[in-house]
Amino acid sequence: MESNLYLVVEDTNRKIDSGDEELIQNVAWATIPHLKMVKKLPNGRVNLATVNEMIRLQANTHRWRF
């Protein structure tokens, strides 16, 4: 799940950098508020206690293509 959270961050940055207003509005509504709540531990790992259900579901159900 932790790697999927980092993929959500990368995907969010890609959508913001695209300049597509519709994508930016969608990510601003559905993703960014939940990502802001995710904190890191002092060793740089994700603090899983701060991951809410919405961002967890988004990270684990998204169809990641490499």
Protein backbone atom coordinates (compact mmCIF):
# COMPACT_ATOMS: atom_id res chain seq x y z
CA MET A 1 0.00 0.00 0.00
CA GLU A 2 2.84 2.40 0.77
CA SER A 3 4.16 2.17 -2.78
CA ASN A 4 0.66 2.79 -4.12
CA LEU A 5 0.45 5.98 -2.04
CA TYR A 6 3.65 7.22 -3.65
CA LEU A 7 2.15 6.40 -7.05
CA VAL A 8 -0.89 8.51 -6.14
CA VAL A 9 1.45 11.40 -5.34
CA GLU A 10 3.27 11.01 -8.67
CA ASP A 11 -0.04 10.75 -10.55
CA THR A 12 -1.36 13.85 -8.78
CA ASN A 13 1.77 15.82 -9.71
CA ARG A 14 1.47 14.63 -13.33
CA LYS A 15 -2.15 15.78 -13.52
CA ILE A 16 -1.33 19.18 -12.05
CA ASP A 17 1.63 19.64 -14.43
CA SER A 18 -0.55 18.73 -17.42
CA GLY A 19 -2.37 22.06 -17.27
CA ASP A 20 -5.72 20.39 -17.99
CA GLU A 21 -8.23 22.34 -15.89
CA GLU A 22 -10.68 19.45 -15.66
CA LEU A 23 -8.00 17.07 -14.36
CA ILE A 24 -6.74 19.67 -11.91
CA GLN A 25 -10.23 20.33 -10.54
CA ASN A 26 -10.88 16.62 -10.16
CA VAL A 27 -7.61 15.95 -8.34
CA ALA A 28 -8.12 19.05 -6.16
CA TRP A 29 -11.51 17.74 -5.10
CA ALA A 30 -10.86 14.00 -4.80
CA THR A 31 -7.20 13.54 -3.92
CA ILE A 32 -5.33 16.53 -2.52
CA PRO A 33 -7.40 16.98 0.68
CA HIS A 34 -6.77 13.36 1.62
CA LEU A 35 -3.08 13.44 0.70
CA LYS A 36 -2.58 16.47 2.93
CA MET A 37 -3.62 14.36 5.93
CA VAL A 38 -0.97 11.69 5.25
CA LYS A 39 2.13 12.26 7.38
CA LYS A 40 5.60 10.76 7.28
CA LEU A 41 7.54 9.20 10.12
CA PRO A 42 11.01 10.53 11.06
CA ASN A 43 12.61 7.75 8.99
CA GLY A 44 10.75 8.93 5.86
CA ARG A 45 8.19 6.13 5.71
CA VAL A 46 4.46 6.81 5.52
CA ASN A 47 2.67 6.87 8.87
CA LEU A 48 -0.10 4.39 8.08
CA ALA A 49 -2.16 5.63 11.03
CA THR A 50 -2.67 8.93 9.16
CA VAL A 51 -3.97 7.29 5.95
CA ASN A 52 -7.74 7.66 5.75
CA GLU A 53 -10.10 5.28 4.01
CA MET A 54 -10.62 7.47 0.94
CA ILE A 55 -6.95 7.76 -0.04
CA ARG A 56 -6.30 4.11 0.86
CA LEU A 57 -9.09 2.97 -1.47
CA GLN A 58 -7.92 5.27 -4.22
CA ALA A 59 -4.34 4.03 -3.93
CA ASN A 60 -5.23 0.34 -3.84
CA THR A 61 -7.97 0.26 -6.49
CA HIS A 62 -6.35 2.47 -9.11
CA ARG A 63 -5.18 0.56 -12.13
CA TRP A 64 -1.47 1.40 -12.21
CA ARG A 65 0.17 1.05 -15.60
CA PHE A 66 3.91 1.08 -15.97
